[in-house]
């Protein structure tokens, strides 16, 4: 499967025009001619860019993301920040991360999971202290 095949699939599933999704993914992921290449030939970073762009190509009320926003070069990180925290500031965002600085930068509350139990914290420092003590 190529990057374009993945785009075609997402467009079909969500009833969006292929060209609209492709243009967004092409602009955001900046993979150029590689969108026509098999995804199995992508580096990990390229695959991450494609998948993240695909996840943002459709508007949702809530986004579940991982540390991909801290991956890649500075330009990609900036695009991630603009898309998630500027353009989609009115949406809910759940960030799964083990990186304290990332949590402090982007979160207002934290949920610590341990042995199948979850505890919510409004105090990020306390949540991180408890997480680090596990």
Protein backbone atom coordinates (compact mmCIF):
# COMPACT_ATOMS: atom_id res chain seq x y z
CA UNK A 1 0.00 0.00 0.00
CA UNK A 2 1.18 3.49 -0.82
CA UNK A 3 0.59 6.69 1.11
CA UNK A 4 -2.03 7.59 -1.48
CA UNK A 5 -3.79 4.27 -0.84
CA UNK A 6 -4.01 5.16 2.85
CA UNK A 7 -5.38 8.57 1.95
CA UNK A 8 -7.94 6.99 -0.37
CA UNK A 9 -9.04 4.65 2.44
CA UNK A 10 -9.48 7.48 4.98
CA UNK A 11 -11.36 9.60 2.43
CA UNK A 12 -13.71 6.70 1.71
CA UNK A 13 -14.31 5.84 5.37
CA UNK A 14 -15.14 9.43 6.32
CA UNK A 15 -16.93 10.37 3.09
CA UNK A 16 -14.48 13.12 2.21
CA UNK A 17 -13.17 13.97 -1.26
CA UNK A 18 -9.84 12.23 -1.95
CA UNK A 19 -8.26 15.42 -3.34
CA UNK A 20 -9.18 17.39 -0.19
CA UNK A 21 -7.59 14.79 2.11
CA UNK A 22 -4.59 14.31 -0.17
CA UNK A 23 -3.89 18.03 -0.41
CA UNK A 24 -4.03 18.36 3.38
CA UNK A 25 -1.78 15.33 3.97
CA UNK A 26 0.65 16.43 1.27
CA UNK A 27 0.93 19.91 2.77
CA UNK A 28 1.16 18.78 6.40
CA UNK A 29 3.37 15.69 6.12
CA UNK A 30 5.58 17.11 3.37
CA UNK A 31 6.41 13.67 1.98
CA UNK A 32 6.31 14.80 -1.66
CA UNK A 33 6.79 12.01 -4.18
CA UNK A 34 6.93 9.43 -1.38
CA UNK A 35 3.13 9.54 -1.10
CA UNK A 36 3.15 7.39 -4.25
CA UNK A 37 5.68 4.95 -2.80
CA UNK A 38 4.89 1.86 -0.71
CA UNK A 39 4.54 2.75 2.97
CA UNK A 40 6.72 -0.24 3.86
CA UNK A 41 9.65 1.71 2.36
CA UNK A 42 9.05 4.71 4.66
CA UNK A 43 11.31 5.49 7.57
CA UNK A 44 9.68 5.50 10.99
CA UNK A 45 9.57 9.30 10.90
CA UNK A 46 7.93 9.36 7.47
CA UNK A 47 5.29 6.85 8.56
CA UNK A 48 4.64 8.94 11.68
CA UNK A 49 4.19 12.07 9.58
CA UNK A 50 1.78 10.31 7.24
CA UNK A 51 -0.29 8.82 10.04
CA UNK A 52 -0.41 12.04 12.03
CA UNK A 53 -1.45 14.02 8.96
CA UNK A 54 -4.15 11.44 8.22
CA UNK A 55 -5.47 11.73 11.77
CA UNK A 56 -5.77 15.51 11.40
CA UNK A 57 -7.23 15.44 7.89
CA UNK A 58 -10.68 14.77 9.34
CA UNK A 59 -12.18 17.03 12.01
CA UNK A 60 -13.00 15.32 15.29
CA UNK A 61 -14.30 16.61 18.64
CA UNK A 62 -11.52 14.81 20.51
CA UNK A 63 -8.00 13.77 19.55
CA UNK A 64 -5.98 11.02 21.20
CA UNK A 65 -2.31 11.52 20.44
CA UNK A 66 1.03 10.27 21.65
CA UNK A 67 4.49 11.78 21.63
CA UNK A 68 4.51 12.17 17.84
CA UNK A 69 4.09 15.92 18.35
CA UNK A 70 7.62 15.96 19.80
CA UNK A 71 9.09 13.88 16.98
CA UNK A 72 10.67 15.04 13.77
CA UNK A 73 12.33 18.30 12.92
CA UNK A 74 11.44 21.69 14.36
CA UNK A 75 9.21 22.56 11.40
CA UNK A 76 7.09 19.42 11.88
CA UNK A 77 6.81 20.06 15.60
CA UNK A 78 5.67 23.61 14.88
CA UNK A 79 3.02 22.39 12.41
CA UNK A 80 1.78 19.88 14.99
CA UNK A 81 1.51 22.61 17.61
CA UNK A 82 -0.32 24.99 15.27
CA UNK A 83 -2.78 22.32 14.13
CA UNK A 84 -3.58 20.97 17.59
CA UNK A 85 -3.32 23.98 19.86
CA UNK A 86 -4.12 26.92 17.61
CA UNK A 87 -6.51 25.72 14.91
CA UNK A 88 -8.20 23.10 17.11
CA UNK A 89 -8.07 24.91 20.44
CA UNK A 90 -11.81 24.31 20.86
CA UNK A 91 -11.38 20.50 20.76
CA UNK A 92 -10.57 18.01 23.49
CA UNK A 93 -7.10 16.49 23.43
CA UNK A 94 -5.81 13.45 25.27
CA UNK A 95 -2.03 13.12 25.23
CA UNK A 96 -0.44 9.79 26.12
CA UNK A 97 3.14 10.47 27.17
CA UNK A 98 5.99 9.47 29.45
CA UNK A 99 7.81 12.77 28.88
CA UNK A 100 7.33 15.21 31.77
CA UNK A 101 8.20 18.32 29.75
CA UNK A 102 5.64 17.39 27.10
CA UNK A 103 2.95 16.90 29.74
CA UNK A 104 3.80 20.22 31.39
CA UNK A 105 3.82 22.03 28.05
CA UNK A 106 0.50 20.79 26.74
CA UNK A 107 -1.67 19.54 29.59
CA UNK A 108 -3.78 21.14 32.28
CA UNK A 109 -4.58 17.86 34.06
CA UNK A 110 -3.00 14.41 34.23
CA UNK A 111 -4.29 10.90 34.58
CA UNK A 112 -1.89 8.38 36.08
CA UNK A 113 -2.54 4.73 35.29
CA UNK A 114 -1.13 2.01 37.52
CA UNK A 115 -2.14 -1.65 37.65
CA UNK A 116 -5.40 -1.01 35.84
CA UNK A 117 -6.42 1.88 38.08
CA UNK A 118 -6.56 5.52 37.07
CA UNK A 119 -6.31 8.64 39.18
CA UNK A 120 -6.90 12.17 37.87
CA UNK A 121 -4.76 15.10 39.05
CA UNK A 122 -5.20 18.83 38.58
CA UNK A 123 -1.68 19.32 39.94
CA UNK A 124 0.72 18.22 37.17
CA UNK A 125 3.79 18.23 39.42
CA UNK A 126 2.08 15.93 41.91
CA UNK A 127 0.94 13.61 39.12
CA UNK A 128 4.46 13.46 37.69
CA UNK A 129 5.97 12.84 41.13
CA UNK A 130 3.58 9.95 41.69
CA UNK A 131 4.18 8.58 38.21
CA UNK A 132 7.97 8.74 38.66
CA UNK A 133 7.69 6.95 42.02
CA UNK A 134 5.94 3.94 40.45
